Amino acid sequence: MITIGIESSCDETSVALLNNETILANAIYSQTEHRDFGGVVPEVASRAHLEKIDRLAQSCFTRTKITPGKVDLIAVTDSPGLAGALLVGISFALGLHTAWNIPITGVNHLEGHICSVFFENSSVAFPFLALVVSGGHTSLYRVDSLDTFICLGETVDDAAGEAFDKVGKLLGFPYPAGRFIEEEAARFSGDTRQCPSFSVARCSQGKLHFSFSGLKTAVKYFIDGKDPLEVARQRPALCNAFQQAVIDSLVGNARHAAQQNGIDRIVLVGGVACNNRLRETLHRQFPGTVFTPHNSLCTDNAAMIALAGFRRYQRNKLRRPAMSASRVL
């Protein structure tokens, strides 16, 4: 069965073709247009999607020698995301649907991220805990099935990836800053007791929520008024302390969720799942029971959307795309 996936929720434009659960093509354009702004500009993102999506689809068809008439299912991200960006992908998908009379289904972006783990870990057993960590989302779910997602906690302000980007901007790194902060933190070779001390706010609403806005502000206050040369000298220590504070929060909530739910299987997905220190820390906490996608499938991509759509088809759960910029699982 051939499924085409379409992803345009934020600043990656992506089109993929799957044969059942095997990736035939997964074309991704990571928008560089936002670097001058230090973050995603919605109008710029929408325009870039509009310019690239047709070319990406054509490249997938050309590479695989599959024509639109051979496609059995269209899966498109319809929530959550930037409204204008989602509209580009949904409109393109509906155009294919109308022109070629292909069945179509909407897919929640977070559902796609969680499904991405099955490409290389098809035997992950339910129930499991899903830690979704990206530039726009930081959420912790108990997943009893692909129809039953129970939110155990989510960010009340900035997402973890968003905090990486904002702190990266303060420290002079280009957008997106996660990789640069991780590399700079790896250069720190001193005593961690010599690092600045940053903590993450603890939420008391009864759920395992996250908060990273205060952490970003703490870094800002730490460097405000300091000589730029001194800040540059301390940058590895600053990055190390900031990164460790984020990881402690993520892993700490995952540990509490595992204890409360009696589940030790952890699925780590989303762009921040590429962070090696985060992966290593989770593996130490949950030896042998942490599952992650390949790095190329952690960031936003259409292959994960196609797989989520294909699994919806198998469960007879196709649904008409219904755009919602804010709807979560």
Protein backbone atom coordinates (compact mmCIF):
# COMPACT_ATOMS: atom_id res chain seq x y z
CA MET A 1 0.00 0.00 0.00
CA ILE A 2 1.45 3.40 -1.01
CA THR A 3 0.92 6.31 1.37
CA ILE A 4 1.96 9.90 0.75
CA GLY A 5 2.64 11.98 3.85
CA ILE A 6 2.57 15.78 3.94
CA GLU A 7 3.99 17.85 6.82
CA SER A 8 3.94 21.66 7.04
CA SER A 9 3.11 22.50 10.64
CA CYS A 10 6.03 24.83 11.39
CA ASP A 11 9.35 25.45 9.62
CA GLU A 12 9.98 22.13 7.88
CA THR A 13 8.29 21.40 4.57
CA SER A 14 8.23 17.65 3.94
CA VAL A 15 6.69 15.10 1.61
CA ALA A 16 7.23 11.33 1.93
CA LEU A 17 6.18 8.12 0.22
CA LEU A 18 5.80 4.85 2.12
CA ASN A 19 5.15 1.31 0.94
CA ASN A 20 3.28 -0.04 3.95
CA GLU A 21 5.79 0.90 6.69
CA THR A 22 8.91 1.13 4.50
CA ILE A 23 10.16 4.60 3.60
CA LEU A 24 10.60 5.00 -0.15
CA ALA A 25 11.31 8.74 -0.08
CA ASN A 26 11.32 11.39 2.63
CA ALA A 27 12.07 14.85 1.23
CA ILE A 28 12.55 17.62 3.82
CA TYR A 29 13.24 21.31 3.39
CA SER A 30 14.37 22.89 6.67
CA GLN A 31 13.62 26.55 6.22
CA THR A 32 16.71 28.76 6.55
CA GLU A 33 14.68 31.91 6.01
CA HIS A 34 14.18 32.38 9.77
CA ARG A 35 17.84 32.61 10.81
CA ASP A 36 17.99 36.38 10.45
CA PHE A 37 15.06 36.67 12.88
CA GLY A 38 16.32 34.20 15.52
CA GLY A 39 13.02 32.29 15.45
CA VAL A 40 10.13 31.24 13.25
CA VAL A 41 8.13 34.00 11.55
CA PRO A 42 4.71 32.51 10.67
CA GLU A 43 4.17 34.50 7.47
CA VAL A 44 7.65 33.64 6.21
CA ALA A 45 7.09 29.97 7.03
CA SER A 46 3.80 29.86 5.12
CA ARG A 47 5.37 31.45 2.05
CA ALA A 48 8.30 29.02 2.11
CA HIS A 49 5.92 26.04 2.36
CA LEU A 50 3.97 27.35 -0.61
CA GLU A 51 7.15 27.70 -2.67
CA LYS A 52 8.61 24.29 -1.84
CA ILE A 53 5.81 21.76 -1.32
CA ASP A 54 5.07 21.03 -4.98
CA ARG A 55 8.76 20.58 -5.81
CA LEU A 56 9.28 18.22 -2.89
CA ALA A 57 6.30 16.11 -3.93
CA GLN A 58 7.56 15.98 -7.51
CA SER A 59 11.03 14.92 -6.33
CA CYS A 60 9.50 12.01 -4.36
CA PHE A 61 7.45 10.86 -7.36
CA THR A 62 10.46 11.14 -9.67
CA ARG A 63 12.83 9.34 -7.31
CA THR A 64 10.48 6.42 -6.69
CA LYS A 65 8.95 6.33 -10.19
CA ILE A 66 5.53 6.27 -8.51
CA THR A 67 2.75 8.37 -10.04
CA PRO A 68 -0.05 10.02 -8.05
CA GLY A 69 -2.47 7.52 -9.57
CA LYS A 70 -0.64 4.71 -7.74
CA VAL A 71 -1.03 6.33 -4.32
CA ASP A 72 -3.55 4.57 -2.05
CA LEU A 73 -3.73 7.05 0.86
CA ILE A 74 -2.92 10.68 1.68
CA ALA A 75 -1.93 11.56 5.25
CA VAL A 76 -1.54 15.23 6.14
CA THR A 77 -0.75 17.10 9.35
CA ASP A 78 -3.80 19.15 10.35
CA SER A 79 -2.98 20.02 13.98
CA PRO A 80 -1.34 21.53 15.95
CA GLY A 81 0.88 24.12 14.29
CA LEU A 82 0.99 27.53 12.66
CA ALA A 83 -2.37 28.20 11.04
CA GLY A 84 -1.05 29.48 7.72
CA ALA A 85 1.56 26.75 7.51
CA LEU A 86 -0.99 24.00 8.17
CA LEU A 87 -3.28 25.50 5.55
CA VAL A 88 -0.62 25.11 2.83
CA GLY A 89 -0.16 21.39 3.51
CA ILE A 90 -3.87 20.66 3.88
CA SER A 91 -4.72 22.54 0.70
CA PHE A 92 -2.06 20.63 -1.24
CA ALA A 93 -3.32 17.32 0.17
CA LEU A 94 -6.94 18.13 -0.65
CA GLY A 95 -5.89 19.04 -4.18
CA LEU A 96 -4.34 15.59 -4.64
CA HIS A 97 -7.39 14.01 -3.03
CA THR A 98 -9.78 15.77 -5.41
CA ALA A 99 -7.71 15.37 -8.57
CA TRP A 100 -6.94 11.66 -8.12
CA ASN A 101 -9.81 10.51 -5.88
CA ILE A 102 -7.38 9.22 -3.24
CA PRO A 103 -8.60 8.50 0.32
CA ILE A 104 -7.30 11.08 2.79
CA THR A 105 -6.82 11.37 6.54
CA GLY A 106 -5.79 14.13 8.89
CA VAL A 107 -3.01 13.34 11.36
CA ASN A 108 -2.14 15.08 14.62
CA HIS A 109 1.48 16.22 14.53
CA LEU A 110 2.24 14.73 17.96
CA GLU A 111 0.65 11.43 16.90
CA GLY A 112 3.12 11.46 14.01
CA HIS A 113 6.07 12.06 16.32
CA ILE A 114 5.04 9.16 18.55
CA CYS A 115 4.57 6.87 15.53
CA SER A 116 8.08 7.74 14.29
CA VAL A 117 9.55 5.38 16.87
CA PHE A 118 7.97 2.35 15.12
CA PHE A 119 10.20 2.64 12.04
CA GLU A 120 13.11 1.09 13.94
CA ASN A 121 11.34 -0.24 17.03
CA SER A 122 8.27 -2.00 15.63
CA SER A 123 7.99 -4.27 18.66
CA VAL A 124 7.52 -1.54 21.31
CA ALA A 125 4.72 -2.89 23.49
CA PHE A 126 1.77 -0.90 24.81
CA PRO A 127 1.39 0.74 27.20
CA PHE A 128 4.42 3.03 27.14
CA LEU A 129 5.30 6.57 28.16
CA ALA A 130 5.96 9.03 25.33
CA LEU A 131 8.16 12.04 26.01
CA VAL A 132 7.60 14.45 23.10
CA VAL A 133 10.26 17.17 23.16
CA SER A 134 10.63 19.69 20.35
CA GLY A 135 10.78 23.38 19.57
CA GLY A 136 7.03 23.74 19.89
CA HIS A 137 6.02 20.93 22.23
CA THR A 138 7.09 19.39 25.51
CA SER A 139 4.58 16.78 26.61
CA LEU A 140 4.48 13.51 28.50
CA TYR A 141 1.84 10.92 27.54
CA ARG A 142 0.80 7.51 28.67
CA VAL A 143 0.05 5.68 25.42
CA ASP A 144 -2.23 2.69 25.96
CA SER A 145 -2.86 2.33 22.22
CA LEU A 146 -2.71 4.58 19.17
CA ASP A 147 -6.29 5.53 20.01
CA THR A 148 -5.68 6.23 23.69
CA PHE A 149 -3.29 9.02 24.69
CA ILE A 150 -3.41 10.23 28.29
CA CYS A 151 -1.59 13.52 28.88
CA LEU A 152 0.38 13.29 32.12
CA GLY A 153 2.05 16.67 31.75
CA GLU A 154 2.97 19.41 29.30
CA THR A 155 4.78 22.71 29.25
CA VAL A 156 2.97 25.63 30.82
CA ASP A 157 5.10 28.17 28.93
CA ASP A 158 8.13 27.63 26.68
CA ALA A 159 8.83 24.24 25.13
CA ALA A 160 12.28 22.76 25.78
CA GLY A 161 13.43 23.30 22.21
CA GLU A 162 12.14 26.87 22.32
CA ALA A 163 14.21 27.47 25.46
CA PHE A 164 17.30 26.10 23.66
CA ASP A 165 16.70 28.54 20.81
CA LYS A 166 16.12 31.55 23.06
CA VAL A 167 19.17 30.84 25.20
CA GLY A 168 21.16 30.21 22.03
CA LYS A 169 20.19 33.66 20.78
CA LEU A 170 21.36 35.20 24.07
CA LEU A 171 24.71 33.43 23.68
CA GLY A 172 25.18 34.35 20.03
CA PHE A 173 24.34 31.02 18.36
CA PRO A 174 22.43 30.86 15.07
CA TYR A 175 18.88 29.52 14.89
CA PRO A 176 18.08 26.71 15.54
CA ALA A 177 20.47 26.60 18.47
CA GLY A 178 20.03 23.15 20.03
CA ARG A 179 22.93 21.48 18.24
CA PHE A 180 25.28 24.39 18.94
CA ILE A 181 24.47 24.44 22.66
CA GLU A 182 25.03 20.67 22.87
CA GLU A 183 28.40 20.98 21.10
CA GLU A 184 29.46 23.90 23.29
CA ALA A 185 28.42 22.05 26.47
CA ALA A 186 30.54 19.09 25.37
CA ARG A 187 33.60 21.40 25.39
CA PHE A 188 33.23 22.00 29.13
CA SER A 189 35.87 19.93 30.87
CA GLY A 190 36.01 21.49 34.31
CA ASP A 191 34.38 20.66 37.61
CA THR A 192 30.59 20.96 37.33
CA ARG A 193 30.70 22.71 40.72
CA GLN A 194 32.34 25.60 38.87
CA CYS A 195 29.32 25.92 36.57
CA PRO A 196 26.60 28.46 37.29
CA SER A 197 23.62 26.89 39.00
CA PHE A 198 20.30 27.00 37.14
CA SER A 199 17.09 25.39 38.28
CA VAL A 200 13.77 24.72 36.58
CA ALA A 201 10.47 25.79 38.10
CA ARG A 202 8.37 22.99 39.59
CA CYS A 203 4.69 23.06 38.76
CA SER A 204 2.19 22.16 41.45
CA GLN A 205 -1.02 21.67 39.48
CA GLY A 206 -1.05 17.94 40.22
CA LYS A 207 0.25 16.91 36.80
CA LEU A 208 3.81 16.39 35.66
CA HIS A 209 4.00 19.73 33.90
CA PHE A 210 7.14 21.46 32.61
CA SER A 211 8.24 25.09 32.73
CA PHE A 212 11.33 26.47 30.97
CA SER A 213 10.61 30.19 30.70
CA GLY A 214 12.19 30.94 34.08
CA LEU A 215 15.31 28.99 33.14
CA LYS A 216 15.76 31.12 30.03
CA THR A 217 15.32 34.26 32.15
CA ALA A 218 17.88 33.02 34.69
CA VAL A 219 20.48 32.67 31.94
CA LYS A 220 19.64 36.18 30.71
CA TYR A 221 20.08 37.67 34.19
CA PHE A 222 23.34 35.77 34.66
CA ILE A 223 24.94 37.29 31.55
CA ASP A 224 23.36 40.76 31.78
CA GLY A 225 26.00 43.38 32.57
CA LYS A 226 28.92 40.99 32.15
CA ASP A 227 31.78 41.74 29.81
CA PRO A 228 31.15 39.96 26.47
CA LEU A 229 34.63 38.43 26.57
CA GLU A 230 33.91 36.95 29.99
CA VAL A 231 30.58 35.58 28.76
CA ALA A 232 32.37 34.01 25.78
CA ARG A 233 34.94 32.45 28.13
CA GLN A 234 32.19 30.97 30.30
CA ARG A 235 30.01 29.86 27.40
CA PRO A 236 30.85 26.13 27.63
CA ALA A 237 30.02 26.15 31.36
CA LEU A 238 26.84 28.13 30.76
CA CYS A 239 25.69 25.74 28.04
CA ASN A 240 26.52 22.75 30.20
CA ALA A 241 24.54 24.10 33.16
CA PHE A 242 21.56 25.13 31.05
CA GLN A 243 21.42 21.84 29.14
CA GLN A 244 21.69 19.82 32.36
CA ALA A 245 18.83 21.76 33.97
CA VAL A 246 16.57 20.98 30.99
CA ILE A 247 17.55 17.30 31.03
CA ASP A 248 17.02 17.01 34.78
CA SER A 249 13.48 18.34 34.37
CA LEU A 250 12.63 16.04 31.45
CA VAL A 251 14.12 12.90 32.96
CA GLY A 252 12.79 13.70 36.44
CA ASN A 253 9.21 13.90 35.20
CA ALA A 254 9.67 10.74 33.13
CA ARG A 255 10.92 8.94 36.24
CA HIS A 256 7.95 10.13 38.33
CA ALA A 257 5.54 9.08 35.56
CA ALA A 258 7.13 5.63 35.39
CA GLN A 259 6.76 5.19 39.15
CA GLN A 260 3.16 6.45 39.22
CA ASN A 261 2.02 4.34 36.27
CA GLY A 262 4.16 1.23 36.75
CA ILE A 263 5.56 1.56 33.22
CA ASP A 264 9.26 1.56 32.42
CA ARG A 265 9.07 1.72 28.61
CA ILE A 266 9.96 5.24 27.50
CA VAL A 267 9.61 6.52 23.96
CA LEU A 268 11.60 9.71 23.33
CA VAL A 269 10.62 11.66 20.19
CA GLY A 270 10.77 15.17 18.73
CA GLY A 271 13.66 17.35 17.63
CA VAL A 272 15.26 17.57 21.08
CA ALA A 273 15.43 13.75 21.12
CA CYS A 274 18.54 14.22 18.95
CA ASN A 275 20.37 15.49 22.05
CA ASN A 276 22.91 12.79 22.98
CA ARG A 277 23.17 13.82 26.62
CA LEU A 278 19.40 13.51 27.03
CA ARG A 279 19.41 10.07 25.42
CA GLU A 280 22.31 8.87 27.57
CA THR A 281 20.68 10.12 30.78
CA LEU A 282 17.39 8.40 29.96
CA HIS A 283 19.19 5.16 29.10
CA ARG A 284 20.91 5.24 32.49
CA GLN A 285 17.58 5.74 34.25
CA PHE A 286 15.74 3.10 32.18
CA PRO A 287 18.36 0.62 30.94
CA GLY A 288 17.13 -1.35 27.96
CA THR A 289 13.67 0.20 27.83
CA VAL A 290 14.22 3.55 26.08
CA PHE A 291 13.22 3.72 22.41
CA THR A 292 14.04 6.55 20.01
CA PRO A 293 13.78 7.09 16.25
CA HIS A 294 16.83 7.66 14.08
CA ASN A 295 17.98 11.29 14.35
CA SER A 296 16.74 11.98 10.81
CA LEU A 297 13.21 11.06 11.93
CA CYS A 298 13.23 13.08 15.16
CA THR A 299 12.76 16.47 13.55
CA ASP A 300 9.53 17.26 11.70
CA ASN A 301 9.16 15.01 8.66
CA ALA A 302 6.42 13.58 6.47
CA ALA A 303 7.43 9.93 6.86
CA MET A 304 6.12 9.89 10.44
CA ILE A 305 2.85 11.48 9.25
CA ALA A 306 2.51 8.85 6.51
CA LEU A 307 3.11 6.05 9.00
CA ALA A 308 0.53 7.47 11.43
CA GLY A 309 -1.93 7.72 8.53
CA PHE A 310 -1.21 4.16 7.39
CA ARG A 311 -1.81 2.86 10.90
CA ARG A 312 -5.06 4.83 11.02
CA TYR A 313 -6.08 3.09 7.80
CA GLN A 314 -5.29 -0.31 9.34
CA ARG A 315 -7.53 0.55 12.32
CA ASN A 316 -10.29 1.97 10.10
CA LYS A 317 -9.81 5.37 11.78
CA LEU A 318 -9.44 7.70 8.79
CA ARG A 319 -10.79 11.20 9.42
CA ARG A 320 -11.32 14.24 7.23
CA PRO A 321 -8.53 16.83 7.73
CA ALA A 322 -9.80 19.51 10.09
CA MET A 323 -7.28 22.27 10.68
CA SER A 324 -6.73 23.33 14.28
CA ALA A 325 -3.65 25.37 15.15
CA SER A 326 -3.87 24.55 18.85
CA ARG A 327 -5.45 21.09 19.16
CA VAL A 328 -3.23 18.51 20.85
CA LEU A 329 -3.74 14.80 21.46
